[in-house]
Amino acid sequence: MNVASSPFQFTTDTATLCIFDTEALKHRLDDEPDWWSIEEDELGELNQGNVAFLIYSPFFNTEQRRQQ
């Protein structure tokens, strides 16, 4: 992996931050908008490495990375 840009910081009042690859979740395009709230669907995508859910924190530090 290569760093795509400098690390950045942001704040949010959301409960969950979801990080995903649009190609990896393409099959969810026509799914219910809250598919991730169904435990077996959420865990399935998580275990396949298609998505990452970060539990609420008022402050996140992150680095964007691009796989080549």
PDB file of N, CA and C in Angstrom:
ATOM      1  N   MET A   1       0.831  -1.185   0.000  1.00  0.00           N
ATOM      2  CA  MET A   1       0.000   0.000   0.000  1.00  0.00           C
ATOM      3  C   MET A   1       0.872   1.243   0.000  1.00  0.00           C
ATOM      4  N   ASN A   2       0.397   2.241  -0.692  1.00  0.00           N
ATOM      5  CA  ASN A   2       1.062   3.534  -0.702  1.00  0.00           C
ATOM      6  C   ASN A   2       0.136   4.579  -0.108  1.00  0.00           C
ATOM      7  N   VAL A   3       0.699   5.534   0.577  1.00  0.00           N
ATOM      8  CA  VAL A   3      -0.101   6.613   1.140  1.00  0.00           C
ATOM      9  C   VAL A   3      -0.571   7.499  -0.003  1.00  0.00           C
ATOM     10  N   ALA A   4      -1.885   7.700  -0.105  1.00  0.00           N
ATOM     11  CA  ALA A   4      -2.449   8.495  -1.187  1.00  0.00           C
ATOM     12  C   ALA A   4      -2.393   9.986  -0.891  1.00  0.00           C
ATOM     13  N   SER A   5      -2.431  10.350   0.375  1.00  0.00           N
ATOM     14  CA  SER A   5      -2.352  11.752   0.771  1.00  0.00           C
ATOM     15  C   SER A   5      -1.906  11.817   2.218  1.00  0.00           C
ATOM     16  N   SER A   6      -1.689  13.009   2.694  1.00  0.00           N
ATOM     17  CA  SER A   6      -1.275  13.189   4.081  1.00  0.00           C
ATOM     18  C   SER A   6      -2.388  12.769   5.028  1.00  0.00           C
ATOM     19  N   PRO A   7      -2.025  12.302   6.217  1.00  0.00           N
ATOM     20  CA  PRO A   7      -3.063  12.001   7.219  1.00  0.00           C
ATOM     21  C   PRO A   7      -3.905  13.246   7.478  1.00  0.00           C
ATOM     22  N   PHE A   8      -5.144  13.029   7.855  1.00  0.00           N
ATOM     23  CA  PHE A   8      -6.023  14.151   8.147  1.00  0.00           C
ATOM     24  C   PHE A   8      -6.849  13.844   9.382  1.00  0.00           C
ATOM     25  N   GLN A   9      -7.459  14.854   9.933  1.00  0.00           N
ATOM     26  CA  GLN A   9      -8.294  14.711  11.118  1.00  0.00           C
ATOM     27  C   GLN A   9      -9.677  15.248  10.793  1.00  0.00           C
ATOM     28  N   PHE A  10     -10.697  14.674  11.429  1.00  0.00           N
ATOM     29  CA  PHE A  10     -12.036  15.209  11.288  1.00  0.00           C
ATOM     30  C   PHE A  10     -12.846  14.871  12.524  1.00  0.00           C
ATOM     31  N   THR A  11     -13.911  15.605  12.734  1.00  0.00           N
ATOM     32  CA  THR A  11     -14.810  15.340  13.850  1.00  0.00           C
ATOM     33  C   THR A  11     -16.172  14.982  13.279  1.00  0.00           C
ATOM     34  N   THR A  12     -16.927  14.223  14.049  1.00  0.00           N
ATOM     35  CA  THR A  12     -18.249  13.803  13.613  1.00  0.00           C
ATOM     36  C   THR A  12     -19.123  13.515  14.826  1.00  0.00           C
ATOM     37  N   ASP A  13     -20.412  13.616  14.630  1.00  0.00           N
ATOM     38  CA  ASP A  13     -21.335  13.233  15.692  1.00  0.00           C
ATOM     39  C   ASP A  13     -22.115  11.988  15.300  1.00  0.00           C
ATOM     40  N   THR A  14     -21.656  11.301  14.258  1.00  0.00           N
ATOM     41  CA  THR A  14     -22.312  10.066  13.848  1.00  0.00           C
ATOM     42  C   THR A  14     -21.909   8.921  14.772  1.00  0.00           C
ATOM     43  N   ALA A  15     -22.688   7.897  14.782  1.00  0.00           N
ATOM     44  CA  ALA A  15     -22.413   6.760  15.650  1.00  0.00           C
ATOM     45  C   ALA A  15     -21.379   5.820  15.063  1.00  0.00           C
ATOM     46  N   THR A  16     -21.300   5.724  13.738  1.00  0.00           N
ATOM     47  CA  THR A  16     -20.400   4.777  13.089  1.00  0.00           C
ATOM     48  C   THR A  16     -19.830   5.389  11.821  1.00  0.00           C
ATOM     49  N   LEU A  17     -18.561   5.143  11.611  1.00  0.00           N
ATOM     50  CA  LEU A  17     -17.910   5.519  10.361  1.00  0.00           C
ATOM     51  C   LEU A  17     -17.671   4.230   9.591  1.00  0.00           C
ATOM     52  N   CYS A  18     -18.078   4.210   8.346  1.00  0.00           N
ATOM     53  CA  CYS A  18     -17.931   3.025   7.509  1.00  0.00           C
ATOM     54  C   CYS A  18     -16.911   3.312   6.416  1.00  0.00           C
ATOM     55  N   ILE A  19     -15.910   2.443   6.306  1.00  0.00           N
ATOM     56  CA  ILE A  19     -14.895   2.571   5.273  1.00  0.00           C
ATOM     57  C   ILE A  19     -15.027   1.353   4.361  1.00  0.00           C
ATOM     58  N   PHE A  20     -15.111   1.598   3.053  1.00  0.00           N
ATOM     59  CA  PHE A  20     -15.336   0.478   2.145  1.00  0.00           C
ATOM     60  C   PHE A  20     -14.830   0.808   0.748  1.00  0.00           C
ATOM     61  N   ASP A  21     -14.678  -0.220  -0.032  1.00  0.00           N
ATOM     62  CA  ASP A  21     -14.327  -0.120  -1.439  1.00  0.00           C
ATOM     63  C   ASP A  21     -15.621  -0.255  -2.226  1.00  0.00           C
ATOM     64  N   THR A  22     -15.918   0.708  -3.074  1.00  0.00           N
ATOM     65  CA  THR A  22     -17.181   0.666  -3.816  1.00  0.00           C
ATOM     66  C   THR A  22     -17.317  -0.588  -4.673  1.00  0.00           C
ATOM     67  N   GLU A  23     -16.213  -1.074  -5.226  1.00  0.00           N
ATOM     68  CA  GLU A  23     -16.266  -2.298  -6.027  1.00  0.00           C
ATOM     69  C   GLU A  23     -16.594  -3.512  -5.157  1.00  0.00           C
ATOM     70  N   ALA A  24     -16.060  -3.549  -3.943  1.00  0.00           N
ATOM     71  CA  ALA A  24     -16.292  -4.687  -3.046  1.00  0.00           C
ATOM     72  C   ALA A  24     -17.740  -4.758  -2.586  1.00  0.00           C
ATOM     73  N   LEU A  25     -18.433  -3.624  -2.540  1.00  0.00           N
ATOM     74  CA  LEU A  25     -19.831  -3.615  -2.091  1.00  0.00           C
ATOM     75  C   LEU A  25     -20.808  -3.348  -3.229  1.00  0.00           C
ATOM     76  N   LYS A  26     -20.346  -3.489  -4.451  1.00  0.00           N
ATOM     77  CA  LYS A  26     -21.196  -3.265  -5.617  1.00  0.00           C
ATOM     78  C   LYS A  26     -22.472  -4.110  -5.560  1.00  0.00           C
ATOM     79  N   HIS A  27     -22.370  -5.312  -5.022  1.00  0.00           N
ATOM     80  CA  HIS A  27     -23.522  -6.207  -4.936  1.00  0.00           C
ATOM     81  C   HIS A  27     -24.588  -5.701  -3.952  1.00  0.00           C
ATOM     82  N   ARG A  28     -24.276  -4.696  -3.158  1.00  0.00           N
ATOM     83  CA  ARG A  28     -25.233  -4.117  -2.206  1.00  0.00           C
ATOM     84  C   ARG A  28     -25.979  -2.911  -2.776  1.00  0.00           C
ATOM     85  N   LEU A  29     -25.674  -2.533  -3.997  1.00  0.00           N
ATOM     86  CA  LEU A  29     -26.249  -1.331  -4.597  1.00  0.00           C
ATOM     87  C   LEU A  29     -27.774  -1.305  -4.534  1.00  0.00           C
ATOM     88  N   ASP A  30     -28.413  -2.412  -4.842  1.00  0.00           N
ATOM     89  CA  ASP A  30     -29.876  -2.471  -4.843  1.00  0.00           C
ATOM     90  C   ASP A  30     -30.440  -3.079  -3.564  1.00  0.00           C
ATOM     91  N   ASP A  31     -29.590  -3.273  -2.565  1.00  0.00           N
ATOM     92  CA  ASP A  31     -30.016  -3.847  -1.283  1.00  0.00           C
ATOM     93  C   ASP A  31     -30.714  -2.777  -0.442  1.00  0.00           C
ATOM     94  N   GLU A  32     -31.304  -3.203   0.650  1.00  0.00           N
ATOM     95  CA  GLU A  32     -31.911  -2.256   1.583  1.00  0.00           C
ATOM     96  C   GLU A  32     -30.841  -1.292   2.084  1.00  0.00           C
ATOM     97  N   PRO A  33     -31.171  -0.008   2.286  1.00  0.00           N
ATOM     98  CA  PRO A  33     -30.157   0.954   2.718  1.00  0.00           C
ATOM     99  C   PRO A  33     -29.576   0.681   4.104  1.00  0.00           C
ATOM    100  N   ASP A  34     -30.259  -0.108   4.898  1.00  0.00           N
ATOM    101  CA  ASP A  34     -29.746  -0.418   6.242  1.00  0.00           C
ATOM    102  C   ASP A  34     -29.284  -1.873   6.353  1.00  0.00           C
ATOM    103  N   TRP A  35     -28.795  -2.452   5.240  1.00  0.00           N
ATOM    104  CA  TRP A  35     -28.333  -3.848   5.254  1.00  0.00           C
ATOM    105  C   TRP A  35     -27.306  -4.085   6.341  1.00  0.00           C
ATOM    106  N   TRP A  36     -26.497  -3.087   6.611  1.00  0.00           N
ATOM    107  CA  TRP A  36     -25.417  -3.219   7.595  1.00  0.00           C
ATOM    108  C   TRP A  36     -25.941  -3.369   9.026  1.00  0.00           C
ATOM    109  N   SER A  37     -27.212  -3.061   9.254  1.00  0.00           N
ATOM    110  CA  SER A  37     -27.777  -3.215  10.597  1.00  0.00           C
ATOM    111  C   SER A  37     -28.216  -4.651  10.868  1.00  0.00           C
ATOM    112  N   ILE A  38     -28.193  -5.505   9.849  1.00  0.00           N
ATOM    113  CA  ILE A  38     -28.501  -6.922  10.009  1.00  0.00           C
ATOM    114  C   ILE A  38     -27.189  -7.622  10.334  1.00  0.00           C
ATOM    115  N   GLU A  39     -27.096  -8.168  11.534  1.00  0.00           N
ATOM    116  CA  GLU A  39     -25.827  -8.678  12.049  1.00  0.00           C
ATOM    117  C   GLU A  39     -25.132  -9.648  11.099  1.00  0.00           C
ATOM    118  N   GLU A  40     -25.866 -10.605  10.546  1.00  0.00           N
ATOM    119  CA  GLU A  40     -25.218 -11.589   9.669  1.00  0.00           C
ATOM    120  C   GLU A  40     -24.689 -10.939   8.388  1.00  0.00           C
ATOM    121  N   ASP A  41     -25.379  -9.920   7.865  1.00  0.00           N
ATOM    122  CA  ASP A  41     -24.893  -9.209   6.674  1.00  0.00           C
ATOM    123  C   ASP A  41     -23.659  -8.374   7.008  1.00  0.00           C
ATOM    124  N   GLU A  42     -23.716  -7.676   8.122  1.00  0.00           N
ATOM    125  CA  GLU A  42     -22.588  -6.851   8.555  1.00  0.00           C
ATOM    126  C   GLU A  42     -21.338  -7.707   8.771  1.00  0.00           C
ATOM    127  N   LEU A  43     -21.496  -8.780   9.526  1.00  0.00           N
ATOM    128  CA  LEU A  43     -20.354  -9.648   9.819  1.00  0.00           C
ATOM    129  C   LEU A  43     -19.822 -10.343   8.568  1.00  0.00           C
ATOM    130  N   GLY A  44     -20.706 -10.710   7.662  1.00  0.00           N
ATOM    131  CA  GLY A  44     -20.277 -11.335   6.417  1.00  0.00           C
ATOM    132  C   GLY A  44     -19.370 -10.423   5.612  1.00  0.00           C
ATOM    133  N   GLU A  45     -19.772  -9.174   5.457  1.00  0.00           N
ATOM    134  CA  GLU A  45     -18.956  -8.214   4.705  1.00  0.00           C
ATOM    135  C   GLU A  45     -17.667  -7.891   5.461  1.00  0.00           C
ATOM    136  N   LEU A  46     -17.759  -7.789   6.760  1.00  0.00           N
ATOM    137  CA  LEU A  46     -16.583  -7.520   7.583  1.00  0.00           C
ATOM    138  C   LEU A  46     -15.569  -8.654   7.469  1.00  0.00           C
ATOM    139  N   ASN A  47     -16.040  -9.890   7.597  1.00  0.00           N
ATOM    140  CA  ASN A  47     -15.158 -11.059   7.521  1.00  0.00           C
ATOM    141  C   ASN A  47     -14.545 -11.246   6.131  1.00  0.00           C
ATOM    142  N   GLN A  48     -15.227 -10.776   5.103  1.00  0.00           N
ATOM    143  CA  GLN A  48     -14.690 -10.866   3.746  1.00  0.00           C
ATOM    144  C   GLN A  48     -13.722  -9.721   3.436  1.00  0.00           C
ATOM    145  N   GLY A  49     -13.606  -8.779   4.367  1.00  0.00           N
ATOM    146  CA  GLY A  49     -12.702  -7.645   4.166  1.00  0.00           C
ATOM    147  C   GLY A  49     -13.264  -6.572   3.257  1.00  0.00           C
ATOM    148  N   ASN A  50     -14.572  -6.565   3.065  1.00  0.00           N
ATOM    149  CA  ASN A  50     -15.200  -5.593   2.172  1.00  0.00           C
ATOM    150  C   ASN A  50     -15.506  -4.263   2.835  1.00  0.00           C
ATOM    151  N   VAL A  51     -15.552  -4.263   4.164  1.00  0.00           N
ATOM    152  CA  VAL A  51     -15.976  -3.066   4.878  1.00  0.00           C
ATOM    153  C   VAL A  51     -15.331  -3.036   6.261  1.00  0.00           C
ATOM    154  N   ALA A  52     -15.153  -1.846   6.781  1.00  0.00           N
ATOM    155  CA  ALA A  52     -14.680  -1.663   8.155  1.00  0.00           C
ATOM    156  C   ALA A  52     -15.607  -0.668   8.833  1.00  0.00           C
ATOM    157  N   PHE A  53     -16.058  -0.998  10.014  1.00  0.00           N
ATOM    158  CA  PHE A  53     -16.918  -0.116  10.786  1.00  0.00           C
ATOM    159  C   PHE A  53     -16.141   0.373  11.994  1.00  0.00           C
ATOM    160  N   LEU A  54     -16.043   1.681  12.148  1.00  0.00           N
ATOM    161  CA  LEU A  54     -15.382   2.264  13.306  1.00  0.00           C
ATOM    162  C   LEU A  54     -16.453   2.791  14.251  1.00  0.00           C
ATOM    163  N   ILE A  55     -16.420   2.329  15.475  1.00  0.00           N
ATOM    164  CA  ILE A  55     -17.407   2.731  16.476  1.00  0.00           C
ATOM    165  C   ILE A  55     -17.195   4.190  16.843  1.00  0.00           C
ATOM    166  N   TYR A  56     -18.256   4.853  17.199  1.00  0.00           N
ATOM    167  CA  TYR A  56     -18.246   6.283  17.477  1.00  0.00           C
ATOM    168  C   TYR A  56     -17.107   6.725  18.388  1.00  0.00           C
ATOM    169  N   SER A  57     -16.455   7.728  17.949  1.00  0.00           N
ATOM    170  CA  SER A  57     -15.491   8.487  18.735  1.00  0.00           C
ATOM    171  C   SER A  57     -15.625   9.912  18.225  1.00  0.00           C
ATOM    172  N   PRO A  58     -15.610  10.890  19.084  1.00  0.00           N
ATOM    173  CA  PRO A  58     -15.802  12.254  18.592  1.00  0.00           C
ATOM    174  C   PRO A  58     -14.617  12.766  17.772  1.00  0.00           C
ATOM    175  N   PHE A  59     -13.511  12.015  17.746  1.00  0.00           N
ATOM    176  CA  PHE A  59     -12.332  12.490  17.024  1.00  0.00           C
ATOM    177  C   PHE A  59     -11.608  11.309  16.399  1.00  0.00           C
ATOM    178  N   PHE A  60     -11.337  11.382  15.120  1.00  0.00           N
ATOM    179  CA  PHE A  60     -10.632  10.325  14.407  1.00  0.00           C
ATOM    180  C   PHE A  60      -9.338  10.874  13.806  1.00  0.00           C
ATOM    181  N   ASN A  61      -8.291  10.097  13.844  1.00  0.00           N
ATOM    182  CA  ASN A  61      -7.081  10.346  13.054  1.00  0.00           C
ATOM    183  C   ASN A  61      -7.057   9.264  11.994  1.00  0.00           C
ATOM    184  N   THR A  62      -6.708   9.606  10.789  1.00  0.00           N
ATOM    185  CA  THR A  62      -6.732   8.603   9.740  1.00  0.00           C
ATOM    186  C   THR A  62      -5.692   8.899   8.672  1.00  0.00           C
ATOM    187  N   GLU A  63      -5.326   7.893   7.943  1.00  0.00           N
ATOM    188  CA  GLU A  63      -4.476   8.032   6.771  1.00  0.00           C
ATOM    189  C   GLU A  63      -5.200   7.387   5.607  1.00  0.00           C
ATOM    190  N   GLN A  64      -5.208   8.047   4.484  1.00  0.00           N
ATOM    191  CA  GLN A  64      -5.774   7.439   3.282  1.00  0.00           C
ATOM    192  C   GLN A  64      -4.685   6.622   2.630  1.00  0.00           C
ATOM    193  N   ARG A  65      -5.013   5.408   2.233  1.00  0.00           N
ATOM    194  CA  ARG A  65      -4.045   4.559   1.561  1.00  0.00           C
ATOM    195  C   ARG A  65      -4.667   4.002   0.297  1.00  0.00           C
ATOM    196  N   ARG A  66      -3.858   3.851  -0.715  1.00  0.00           N
ATOM    197  CA  ARG A  66      -4.318   3.319  -1.986  1.00  0.00           C
ATOM    198  C   ARG A  66      -3.533   2.062  -2.290  1.00  0.00           C
ATOM    199  N   GLN A  67      -4.238   0.984  -2.563  1.00  0.00           N
ATOM    200  CA  GLN A  67      -3.585  -0.273  -2.909  1.00  0.00           C
ATOM    201  C   GLN A  67      -3.244  -0.255  -4.391  1.00  0.00           C
ATOM    202  N   GLN A  68      -2.018  -0.666  -4.708  1.00  0.00           N
ATOM    203  CA  GLN A  68      -1.615  -0.691  -6.118  1.00  0.00           C
ATOM    204  C   GLN A  68      -1.371  -2.090  -6.579  1.00  0.00           C
TER     205      GLN A  68
END
